[in-house]
Amino acid sequence: VQMAAQLSHLHHIGGVRTLGMVGAFDLYADKRTNTRYPPAKRMGQQIFQEGLKEGLILRPLGDTLYYWLPLCTTKEQITDIIERTVRVLQRMKW
């Protein structure tokens, strides 16, 4: 719920979902029309690389990024991870 609230408002992010300690979101060139990025642009990989600068390991599968968090992750750590993810996404040159 927390992740969906903070990421869904971003223009290029959609399909935010969680199941237990797994979370995922999709990248869109235009979320309103469900237009994805061309595969050659490798946006998921670009965000993965930028995330490393924030100490994040965002698992890209094409233009879908996943989190796999350990069961021992605290609410405070989840908040921190989401905040760092938002910073990464805001820095991207879409």
Protein backbone atom coordinates (compact mmCIF):
# COMPACT_ATOMS: atom_id res chain seq x y z
CA VAL A 1 0.00 0.00 0.00
CA GLN A 2 2.78 2.43 0.95
CA MET A 3 4.72 1.67 -2.21
CA ALA A 4 1.66 2.08 -4.42
CA ALA A 5 0.82 5.45 -2.89
CA GLN A 6 4.31 6.87 -3.40
CA LEU A 7 5.10 5.44 -6.83
CA SER A 8 1.75 5.48 -8.67
CA HIS A 9 1.65 9.27 -8.91
CA LEU A 10 4.86 9.35 -10.97
CA HIS A 11 4.16 9.92 -14.67
CA HIS A 12 6.18 6.96 -16.01
CA ILE A 13 5.24 4.39 -13.35
CA GLY A 14 2.22 2.09 -13.40
CA GLY A 15 1.10 -1.36 -12.39
CA VAL A 16 2.43 -1.01 -8.86
CA ARG A 17 1.78 -4.23 -6.96
CA THR A 18 2.91 -6.20 -3.95
CA LEU A 19 2.52 -9.71 -2.63
CA GLY A 20 4.07 -10.29 0.75
CA MET A 21 7.63 -8.98 0.62
CA VAL A 22 7.76 -8.89 -3.20
CA GLY A 23 6.93 -5.62 -4.94
CA ALA A 24 6.96 -4.63 -8.59
CA PHE A 25 6.18 -1.71 -10.86
CA ASP A 26 6.13 -1.14 -14.61
CA LEU A 27 7.77 1.62 -16.64
CA TYR A 28 5.80 3.46 -19.31
CA ALA A 29 6.82 5.98 -21.93
CA ASP A 30 3.21 7.19 -21.62
CA LYS A 31 1.18 5.73 -18.77
CA ARG A 32 -2.09 7.26 -20.07
CA THR A 33 -1.90 5.24 -23.30
CA ASN A 34 -0.08 2.21 -21.82
CA THR A 35 2.82 2.83 -24.22
CA ARG A 36 5.94 0.98 -23.14
CA TYR A 37 9.51 1.97 -23.94
CA PRO A 38 11.21 0.45 -26.98
CA PRO A 39 13.23 -2.58 -25.81
CA ALA A 40 16.43 -1.08 -27.25
CA LYS A 41 16.18 1.79 -24.75
CA ARG A 42 16.60 -0.68 -21.83
CA MET A 43 14.93 1.63 -19.30
CA GLY A 44 14.78 -1.09 -16.65
CA GLN A 45 18.54 -1.56 -16.89
CA GLN A 46 19.12 2.21 -16.76
CA ILE A 47 17.08 2.47 -13.56
CA PHE A 48 18.90 -0.54 -12.11
CA GLN A 49 22.23 1.23 -12.72
CA GLU A 50 20.98 4.50 -11.22
CA GLY A 51 19.56 2.61 -8.23
CA LEU A 52 22.98 1.22 -7.39
CA LYS A 53 24.08 4.81 -6.69
CA GLU A 54 21.43 4.88 -3.93
CA GLY A 55 22.43 1.47 -2.60
CA LEU A 56 19.37 -0.18 -4.17
CA ILE A 57 19.20 -3.45 -6.02
CA LEU A 58 16.13 -3.12 -8.23
CA ARG A 59 15.70 -6.28 -10.29
CA PRO A 60 14.79 -5.36 -13.87
CA LEU A 61 12.90 -7.79 -16.07
CA GLY A 62 12.48 -5.70 -19.19
CA ASP A 63 10.57 -2.59 -18.13
CA THR A 64 9.28 -4.14 -14.91
CA LEU A 65 11.31 -3.62 -11.76
CA TYR A 66 11.04 -5.92 -8.75
CA TYR A 67 11.97 -5.85 -5.09
CA TRP A 68 12.55 -9.10 -3.20
CA LEU A 69 12.87 -8.08 0.41
CA PRO A 70 13.97 -10.36 3.23
CA LEU A 71 11.24 -11.30 5.71
CA CYS A 72 13.15 -9.47 8.45
CA THR A 73 12.88 -6.08 6.66
CA THR A 74 11.40 -3.47 9.01
CA LYS A 75 8.74 -0.89 8.14
CA GLU A 76 11.38 1.83 8.52
CA GLN A 77 13.64 0.05 6.04
CA ILE A 78 10.77 -0.31 3.57
CA THR A 79 10.04 3.41 3.87
CA ASP A 80 13.72 4.16 3.22
CA ILE A 81 13.82 1.84 0.19
CA ILE A 82 10.74 3.48 -1.31
CA GLU A 83 12.08 6.99 -0.69
CA ARG A 84 15.38 6.10 -2.38
CA THR A 85 13.49 4.54 -5.29
CA VAL A 86 11.46 7.73 -5.75
CA ARG A 87 14.69 9.77 -5.79
CA VAL A 88 16.14 7.49 -8.47
CA LEU A 89 13.01 7.73 -10.61
CA GLN A 90 12.88 11.51 -10.27
CA ARG A 91 16.51 11.79 -11.46
CA MET A 92 15.87 9.79 -14.63
CA LYS A 93 15.91 11.59 -17.96
CA TRP A 94 12.71 10.15 -19.38
